[in-house]
Amino acid sequence: MSIRKAGGDWEPMLLPIEPRYCKVCKQGLYRDKTMFRGGWSRCTVCDEFVHYSCLASGKFSFFKARPRVCKPCRAAQAAVAHQVDSAVAVGS
């Protein structure tokens, strides 16, 4: 008796292929386009896949910020931080 027959019926493993698009630049995340340009990564804030070039820069422009955050999420974080700073300064 083989292991496969003991496991019962197997469902076909045909997963639908859904193209993914970068949230920032709206271009496709395909290996042929991004392989030599850094690839892609997932933003830790919005949990979306974005091109490596669409991630926010870190301390140096050629390094990316850790944890990985896309440019729109970084801008939103900066806006919230600026509002909190101005509210604290007004309240003092």
C-alpha atoms as a PDB file:
ATOM      1  CA  MET A   1       0.000   0.000   0.000  1.00  0.00           C
ATOM      2  CA  SER A   2       1.447   3.358  -0.956  1.00  0.00           C
ATOM      3  CA  ILE A   3       1.280   6.533   1.097  1.00  0.00           C
ATOM      4  CA  ARG A   4      -0.714   8.272  -1.621  1.00  0.00           C
ATOM      5  CA  LYS A   5      -3.437   5.649  -1.665  1.00  0.00           C
ATOM      6  CA  ALA A   6      -3.661   5.703   2.131  1.00  0.00           C
ATOM      7  CA  GLY A   7      -4.270   9.450   2.098  1.00  0.00           C
ATOM      8  CA  GLY A   8      -7.565   9.203   0.268  1.00  0.00           C
ATOM      9  CA  ASP A   9      -8.693  11.289  -2.681  1.00  0.00           C
ATOM     10  CA  TRP A  10      -6.562  14.240  -3.609  1.00  0.00           C
ATOM     11  CA  GLU A  11      -8.086  17.435  -4.866  1.00  0.00           C
ATOM     12  CA  PRO A  12      -6.522  18.850  -7.973  1.00  0.00           C
ATOM     13  CA  MET A  13      -3.857  21.358  -7.035  1.00  0.00           C
ATOM     14  CA  LEU A  14      -4.614  23.839  -9.792  1.00  0.00           C
ATOM     15  CA  LEU A  15      -4.438  27.215  -8.131  1.00  0.00           C
ATOM     16  CA  PRO A  16      -5.811  30.165 -10.070  1.00  0.00           C
ATOM     17  CA  ILE A  17      -3.119  32.530 -11.278  1.00  0.00           C
ATOM     18  CA  GLU A  18      -4.008  36.039 -10.228  1.00  0.00           C
ATOM     19  CA  PRO A  19      -1.693  38.806 -11.398  1.00  0.00           C
ATOM     20  CA  ARG A  20      -0.485  41.108  -8.661  1.00  0.00           C
ATOM     21  CA  TYR A  21       0.090  44.806  -9.121  1.00  0.00           C
ATOM     22  CA  CYS A  22       2.212  47.231  -7.167  1.00  0.00           C
ATOM     23  CA  LYS A  23       0.019  49.445  -4.993  1.00  0.00           C
ATOM     24  CA  VAL A  24       2.295  52.454  -5.534  1.00  0.00           C
ATOM     25  CA  CYS A  25       3.135  52.501  -9.258  1.00  0.00           C
ATOM     26  CA  LYS A  26       0.261  50.245 -10.477  1.00  0.00           C
ATOM     27  CA  GLN A  27       2.641  48.093 -12.594  1.00  0.00           C
ATOM     28  CA  GLY A  28       2.697  44.318 -12.591  1.00  0.00           C
ATOM     29  CA  LEU A  29       4.860  42.359 -10.180  1.00  0.00           C
ATOM     30  CA  TYR A  30       6.389  39.986 -12.686  1.00  0.00           C
ATOM     31  CA  ARG A  31       9.752  38.296 -12.356  1.00  0.00           C
ATOM     32  CA  ASP A  32      10.817  39.221 -15.893  1.00  0.00           C
ATOM     33  CA  LYS A  33      10.410  42.948 -15.157  1.00  0.00           C
ATOM     34  CA  THR A  34      11.694  43.110 -11.590  1.00  0.00           C
ATOM     35  CA  MET A  35      14.373  40.430 -11.342  1.00  0.00           C
ATOM     36  CA  PHE A  36      17.303  42.780 -11.971  1.00  0.00           C
ATOM     37  CA  ARG A  37      15.693  45.797 -10.326  1.00  0.00           C
ATOM     38  CA  GLY A  38      15.434  44.483  -6.794  1.00  0.00           C
ATOM     39  CA  GLY A  39      12.216  42.477  -6.976  1.00  0.00           C
ATOM     40  CA  TRP A  40       9.362  43.171  -4.612  1.00  0.00           C
ATOM     41  CA  SER A  41       8.539  43.011  -0.951  1.00  0.00           C
ATOM     42  CA  ARG A  42       5.493  43.233   1.288  1.00  0.00           C
ATOM     43  CA  CYS A  43       4.718  46.430   3.179  1.00  0.00           C
ATOM     44  CA  THR A  44       4.380  45.747   6.899  1.00  0.00           C
ATOM     45  CA  VAL A  45       1.728  48.446   7.389  1.00  0.00           C
ATOM     46  CA  CYS A  46      -0.755  47.833   4.554  1.00  0.00           C
ATOM     47  CA  ASP A  47       0.331  44.208   3.886  1.00  0.00           C
ATOM     48  CA  GLU A  48       0.472  44.792   0.101  1.00  0.00           C
ATOM     49  CA  PHE A  49       3.180  43.707  -2.333  1.00  0.00           C
ATOM     50  CA  VAL A  50       5.165  46.607  -3.807  1.00  0.00           C
ATOM     51  CA  HIS A  51       8.281  46.938  -5.946  1.00  0.00           C
ATOM     52  CA  TYR A  52      11.509  47.301  -4.025  1.00  0.00           C
ATOM     53  CA  SER A  53      11.958  50.732  -5.588  1.00  0.00           C
ATOM     54  CA  CYS A  54       8.530  51.772  -4.226  1.00  0.00           C
ATOM     55  CA  LEU A  55       9.585  51.128  -0.624  1.00  0.00           C
ATOM     56  CA  ALA A  56      10.501  54.062   1.614  1.00  0.00           C
ATOM     57  CA  SER A  57      14.188  54.912   1.862  1.00  0.00           C
ATOM     58  CA  GLY A  58      16.112  54.359   5.044  1.00  0.00           C
ATOM     59  CA  LYS A  59      18.985  56.342   6.491  1.00  0.00           C
ATOM     60  CA  PHE A  60      20.783  56.264   3.132  1.00  0.00           C
ATOM     61  CA  SER A  61      18.854  56.550  -0.118  1.00  0.00           C
ATOM     62  CA  PHE A  62      20.070  53.213  -1.503  1.00  0.00           C
ATOM     63  CA  PHE A  63      19.060  51.301   1.642  1.00  0.00           C
ATOM     64  CA  LYS A  64      15.418  50.647   2.418  1.00  0.00           C
ATOM     65  CA  ALA A  65      13.805  51.312   5.776  1.00  0.00           C
ATOM     66  CA  ARG A  66      13.259  48.435   8.153  1.00  0.00           C
ATOM     67  CA  PRO A  67      10.613  47.273   8.766  1.00  0.00           C
ATOM     68  CA  ARG A  68       9.662  47.470   5.107  1.00  0.00           C
ATOM     69  CA  VAL A  69       7.167  50.285   4.559  1.00  0.00           C
ATOM     70  CA  CYS A  70       5.909  51.585   1.208  1.00  0.00           C
ATOM     71  CA  LYS A  71       6.131  55.271   0.344  1.00  0.00           C
ATOM     72  CA  PRO A  72       2.397  56.111   0.827  1.00  0.00           C
ATOM     73  CA  CYS A  73       2.334  54.435   4.253  1.00  0.00           C
ATOM     74  CA  ARG A  74       5.506  56.299   5.281  1.00  0.00           C
ATOM     75  CA  ALA A  75       3.933  59.599   4.176  1.00  0.00           C
ATOM     76  CA  ALA A  76       0.795  58.803   6.203  1.00  0.00           C
ATOM     77  CA  GLN A  77       2.897  57.956   9.263  1.00  0.00           C
ATOM     78  CA  ALA A  78       4.843  61.213   8.889  1.00  0.00           C
ATOM     79  CA  ALA A  79       1.594  63.214   8.591  1.00  0.00           C
ATOM     80  CA  VAL A  80       0.188  61.617  11.759  1.00  0.00           C
ATOM     81  CA  ALA A  81       3.452  62.224  13.625  1.00  0.00           C
ATOM     82  CA  HIS A  82       3.457  65.860  12.487  1.00  0.00           C
ATOM     83  CA  GLN A  83      -0.141  66.349  13.703  1.00  0.00           C
ATOM     84  CA  VAL A  84       0.709  64.785  17.071  1.00  0.00           C
ATOM     85  CA  ASP A  85       3.800  67.000  17.430  1.00  0.00           C
ATOM     86  CA  SER A  86       1.828  70.146  16.622  1.00  0.00           C
ATOM     87  CA  ALA A  87      -0.970  69.144  19.025  1.00  0.00           C
ATOM     88  CA  VAL A  88       1.549  68.587  21.827  1.00  0.00           C
ATOM     89  CA  ALA A  89       3.216  71.956  21.108  1.00  0.00           C
ATOM     90  CA  VAL A  90      -0.149  73.784  21.166  1.00  0.00           C
ATOM     91  CA  GLY A  91      -1.254  72.012  24.337  1.00  0.00           C
ATOM     92  CA  SER A  92       1.921  72.962  26.255  1.00  0.00           C
END
